[in-house]
Amino acid sequence: MLWLRTPEAKAELNIPPEVTPASALCIGYSAHIPDAPARGTPAIIWSD
């Protein structure tokens, strides 16, 4: 996450310049839950 260490990103997120972020966490809920994709019937292979 090198972009998080740029001065522009730090300024936008109110991160002090002397702090080096190590990771980002996304917390919250999405506004819309997408529909699940259709699943096909799995192939069944019988072995003797």
PDB file of N, CA and C in Angstrom:
ATOM      1  N   MET A   1       0.828  -1.179   0.000  1.00  0.00           N
ATOM      2  CA  MET A   1       0.000   0.000   0.000  1.00  0.00           C
ATOM      3  C   MET A   1       0.876   1.247   0.000  1.00  0.00           C
ATOM      4  N   LEU A   2       1.698   1.336  -0.995  1.00  0.00           N
ATOM      5  CA  LEU A   2       2.615   2.470  -1.065  1.00  0.00           C
ATOM      6  C   LEU A   2       1.880   3.795  -1.237  1.00  0.00           C
ATOM      7  N   TRP A   3       0.705   3.785  -1.886  1.00  0.00           N
ATOM      8  CA  TRP A   3      -0.042   5.031  -2.087  1.00  0.00           C
ATOM      9  C   TRP A   3      -0.435   5.664  -0.765  1.00  0.00           C
ATOM     10  N   LEU A   4      -0.611   4.856   0.276  1.00  0.00           N
ATOM     11  CA  LEU A   4      -1.016   5.364   1.581  1.00  0.00           C
ATOM     12  C   LEU A   4       0.103   6.152   2.252  1.00  0.00           C
ATOM     13  N   ARG A   5       1.321   5.958   1.785  1.00  0.00           N
ATOM     14  CA  ARG A   5       2.473   6.652   2.356  1.00  0.00           C
ATOM     15  C   ARG A   5       2.787   7.966   1.660  1.00  0.00           C
ATOM     16  N   THR A   6       2.067   8.294   0.597  1.00  0.00           N
ATOM     17  CA  THR A   6       2.340   9.545  -0.122  1.00  0.00           C
ATOM     18  C   THR A   6       1.841  10.737   0.687  1.00  0.00           C
ATOM     19  N   PRO A   7       2.503  11.885   0.549  1.00  0.00           N
ATOM     20  CA  PRO A   7       2.067  13.083   1.277  1.00  0.00           C
ATOM     21  C   PRO A   7       0.628  13.485   0.946  1.00  0.00           C
ATOM     22  N   GLU A   8       0.211  13.267  -0.305  1.00  0.00           N
ATOM     23  CA  GLU A   8      -1.153  13.637  -0.703  1.00  0.00           C
ATOM     24  C   GLU A   8      -2.196  12.785   0.025  1.00  0.00           C
ATOM     25  N   ALA A   9      -1.950  11.473   0.091  1.00  0.00           N
ATOM     26  CA  ALA A   9      -2.890  10.573   0.771  1.00  0.00           C
ATOM     27  C   ALA A   9      -2.918  10.858   2.265  1.00  0.00           C
ATOM     28  N   LYS A  10      -1.746  11.091   2.845  1.00  0.00           N
ATOM     29  CA  LYS A  10      -1.694  11.403   4.272  1.00  0.00           C
ATOM     30  C   LYS A  10      -2.469  12.675   4.586  1.00  0.00           C
ATOM     31  N   ALA A  11      -2.327  13.687   3.735  1.00  0.00           N
ATOM     32  CA  ALA A  11      -3.037  14.948   3.963  1.00  0.00           C
ATOM     33  C   ALA A  11      -4.542  14.745   3.850  1.00  0.00           C
ATOM     34  N   GLU A  12      -4.979  13.976   2.857  1.00  0.00           N
ATOM     35  CA  GLU A  12      -6.417  13.748   2.662  1.00  0.00           C
ATOM     36  C   GLU A  12      -7.036  12.969   3.815  1.00  0.00           C
ATOM     37  N   LEU A  13      -6.261  12.047   4.408  1.00  0.00           N
ATOM     38  CA  LEU A  13      -6.768  11.203   5.486  1.00  0.00           C
ATOM     39  C   LEU A  13      -6.405  11.721   6.872  1.00  0.00           C
ATOM     40  N   ASN A  14      -5.818  12.910   6.924  1.00  0.00           N
ATOM     41  CA  ASN A  14      -5.418  13.541   8.194  1.00  0.00           C
ATOM     42  C   ASN A  14      -4.441  12.673   8.988  1.00  0.00           C
ATOM     43  N   ILE A  15      -3.493  12.062   8.281  1.00  0.00           N
ATOM     44  CA  ILE A  15      -2.445  11.273   8.919  1.00  0.00           C
ATOM     45  C   ILE A  15      -1.234  12.188   9.091  1.00  0.00           C
ATOM     46  N   PRO A  16      -0.673  12.288  10.288  1.00  0.00           N
ATOM     47  CA  PRO A  16       0.491  13.153  10.498  1.00  0.00           C
ATOM     48  C   PRO A  16       1.659  12.749   9.594  1.00  0.00           C
ATOM     49  N   PRO A  17       2.423  13.719   9.103  1.00  0.00           N
ATOM     50  CA  PRO A  17       3.535  13.410   8.182  1.00  0.00           C
ATOM     51  C   PRO A  17       4.591  12.481   8.765  1.00  0.00           C
ATOM     52  N   GLU A  18       4.803  12.509  10.082  1.00  0.00           N
ATOM     53  CA  GLU A  18       5.846  11.690  10.690  1.00  0.00           C
ATOM     54  C   GLU A  18       5.425  10.239  10.911  1.00  0.00           C
ATOM     55  N   VAL A  19       4.164   9.921  10.655  1.00  0.00           N
ATOM     56  CA  VAL A  19       3.638   8.561  10.843  1.00  0.00           C
ATOM     57  C   VAL A  19       3.724   7.807   9.519  1.00  0.00           C
ATOM     58  N   THR A  20       4.133   6.532   9.583  1.00  0.00           N
ATOM     59  CA  THR A  20       4.190   5.687   8.388  1.00  0.00           C
ATOM     60  C   THR A  20       3.105   4.617   8.494  1.00  0.00           C
ATOM     61  N   PRO A  21       2.043   4.726   7.698  1.00  0.00           N
ATOM     62  CA  PRO A  21       0.973   3.718   7.738  1.00  0.00           C
ATOM     63  C   PRO A  21       1.487   2.361   7.250  1.00  0.00           C
ATOM     64  N   ALA A  22       1.000   1.303   7.879  1.00  0.00           N
ATOM     65  CA  ALA A  22       1.402  -0.053   7.498  1.00  0.00           C
ATOM     66  C   ALA A  22       0.303  -0.796   6.748  1.00  0.00           C
ATOM     67  N   SER A  23      -0.961  -0.459   7.014  1.00  0.00           N
ATOM     68  CA  SER A  23      -2.060  -1.132   6.334  1.00  0.00           C
ATOM     69  C   SER A  23      -3.307  -0.261   6.389  1.00  0.00           C
ATOM     70  N   ALA A  24      -4.303  -0.653   5.625  1.00  0.00           N
ATOM     71  CA  ALA A  24      -5.581   0.057   5.610  1.00  0.00           C
ATOM     72  C   ALA A  24      -6.690  -0.928   5.940  1.00  0.00           C
ATOM     73  N   LEU A  25      -7.668  -0.492   6.691  1.00  0.00           N
ATOM     74  CA  LEU A  25      -8.826  -1.324   7.031  1.00  0.00           C
ATOM     75  C   LEU A  25     -10.081  -0.650   6.493  1.00  0.00           C
ATOM     76  N   CYS A  26     -10.913  -1.410   5.838  1.00  0.00           N
ATOM     77  CA  CYS A  26     -12.193  -0.900   5.352  1.00  0.00           C
ATOM     78  C   CYS A  26     -13.263  -1.367   6.322  1.00  0.00           C
ATOM     79  N   ILE A  27     -13.932  -0.422   6.943  1.00  0.00           N
ATOM     80  CA  ILE A  27     -14.940  -0.752   7.937  1.00  0.00           C
ATOM     81  C   ILE A  27     -16.262  -0.126   7.494  1.00  0.00           C
ATOM     82  N   GLY A  28     -17.313  -0.909   7.535  1.00  0.00           N
ATOM     83  CA  GLY A  28     -18.620  -0.387   7.174  1.00  0.00           C
ATOM     84  C   GLY A  28     -19.419  -1.401   6.375  1.00  0.00           C
ATOM     85  N   TYR A  29     -20.496  -0.937   5.816  1.00  0.00           N
ATOM     86  CA  TYR A  29     -21.392  -1.776   5.041  1.00  0.00           C
ATOM     87  C   TYR A  29     -21.573  -1.161   3.665  1.00  0.00           C
ATOM     88  N   SER A  30     -21.688  -2.000   2.673  1.00  0.00           N
ATOM     89  CA  SER A  30     -21.929  -1.490   1.325  1.00  0.00           C
ATOM     90  C   SER A  30     -23.369  -1.016   1.202  1.00  0.00           C
ATOM     91  N   ALA A  31     -23.594  -0.098   0.300  1.00  0.00           N
ATOM     92  CA  ALA A  31     -24.938   0.435   0.087  1.00  0.00           C
ATOM     93  C   ALA A  31     -25.839  -0.581  -0.617  1.00  0.00           C
ATOM     94  N   HIS A  32     -25.229  -1.498  -1.346  1.00  0.00           N
ATOM     95  CA  HIS A  32     -25.998  -2.486  -2.104  1.00  0.00           C
ATOM     96  C   HIS A  32     -25.247  -3.807  -2.073  1.00  0.00           C
ATOM     97  N   ILE A  33     -25.955  -4.882  -1.831  1.00  0.00           N
ATOM     98  CA  ILE A  33     -25.352  -6.214  -1.873  1.00  0.00           C
ATOM     99  C   ILE A  33     -25.639  -6.799  -3.250  1.00  0.00           C
ATOM    100  N   PRO A  34     -24.592  -7.081  -4.026  1.00  0.00           N
ATOM    101  CA  PRO A  34     -24.826  -7.595  -5.383  1.00  0.00           C
ATOM    102  C   PRO A  34     -25.420  -9.000  -5.354  1.00  0.00           C
ATOM    103  N   ASP A  35     -26.164  -9.337  -6.402  1.00  0.00           N
ATOM    104  CA  ASP A  35     -26.728 -10.674  -6.532  1.00  0.00           C
ATOM    105  C   ASP A  35     -25.597 -11.677  -6.743  1.00  0.00           C
ATOM    106  N   ALA A  36     -25.780 -12.859  -6.207  1.00  0.00           N
ATOM    107  CA  ALA A  36     -24.787 -13.918  -6.393  1.00  0.00           C
ATOM    108  C   ALA A  36     -24.836 -14.408  -7.835  1.00  0.00           C
ATOM    109  N   PRO A  37     -23.699 -14.756  -8.405  1.00  0.00           N
ATOM    110  CA  PRO A  37     -23.712 -15.259  -9.781  1.00  0.00           C
ATOM    111  C   PRO A  37     -24.381 -16.629  -9.842  1.00  0.00           C
ATOM    112  N   ALA A  38     -24.982 -16.916 -10.975  1.00  0.00           N
ATOM    113  CA  ALA A  38     -25.630 -18.215 -11.161  1.00  0.00           C
ATOM    114  C   ALA A  38     -24.566 -19.308 -11.166  1.00  0.00           C
ATOM    115  N   ARG A  39     -24.876 -20.400 -10.512  1.00  0.00           N
ATOM    116  CA  ARG A  39     -23.935 -21.516 -10.463  1.00  0.00           C
ATOM    117  C   ARG A  39     -24.453 -22.650 -11.322  1.00  0.00           C
ATOM    118  N   GLY A  40     -23.551 -23.213 -12.101  1.00  0.00           N
ATOM    119  CA  GLY A  40     -23.912 -24.359 -12.931  1.00  0.00           C
ATOM    120  C   GLY A  40     -23.902 -25.639 -12.117  1.00  0.00           C
ATOM    121  N   THR A  41     -24.460 -26.686 -12.687  1.00  0.00           N
ATOM    122  CA  THR A  41     -24.459 -27.987 -12.027  1.00  0.00           C
ATOM    123  C   THR A  41     -23.038 -28.554 -12.098  1.00  0.00           C
ATOM    124  N   PRO A  42     -22.483 -28.989 -10.983  1.00  0.00           N
ATOM    125  CA  PRO A  42     -21.127 -29.512 -11.016  1.00  0.00           C
ATOM    126  C   PRO A  42     -21.057 -30.834 -11.763  1.00  0.00           C
ATOM    127  N   ALA A  43     -19.923 -31.062 -12.415  1.00  0.00           N
ATOM    128  CA  ALA A  43     -19.717 -32.336 -13.108  1.00  0.00           C
ATOM    129  C   ALA A  43     -19.363 -33.401 -12.075  1.00  0.00           C
ATOM    130  N   ILE A  44     -20.029 -34.542 -12.148  1.00  0.00           N
ATOM    131  CA  ILE A  44     -19.745 -35.645 -11.237  1.00  0.00           C
ATOM    132  C   ILE A  44     -19.041 -36.732 -12.027  1.00  0.00           C
ATOM    133  N   ILE A  45     -17.873 -37.078 -11.567  1.00  0.00           N
ATOM    134  CA  ILE A  45     -17.085 -38.114 -12.244  1.00  0.00           C
ATOM    135  C   ILE A  45     -16.988 -39.310 -11.301  1.00  0.00           C
ATOM    136  N   TRP A  46     -17.504 -40.439 -11.768  1.00  0.00           N
ATOM    137  CA  TRP A  46     -17.469 -41.662 -10.952  1.00  0.00           C
ATOM    138  C   TRP A  46     -16.223 -42.456 -11.307  1.00  0.00           C
ATOM    139  N   SER A  47     -15.596 -42.994 -10.303  1.00  0.00           N
ATOM    140  CA  SER A  47     -14.386 -43.775 -10.516  1.00  0.00           C
ATOM    141  C   SER A  47     -14.594 -45.154  -9.896  1.00  0.00           C
ATOM    142  N   ASP A  48     -14.184 -46.182 -10.595  1.00  0.00           N
ATOM    143  CA  ASP A  48     -14.299 -47.551 -10.074  1.00  0.00           C
ATOM    144  C   ASP A  48     -13.045 -48.010  -9.417  1.00  0.00           C
TER     145      ASP A  48
END
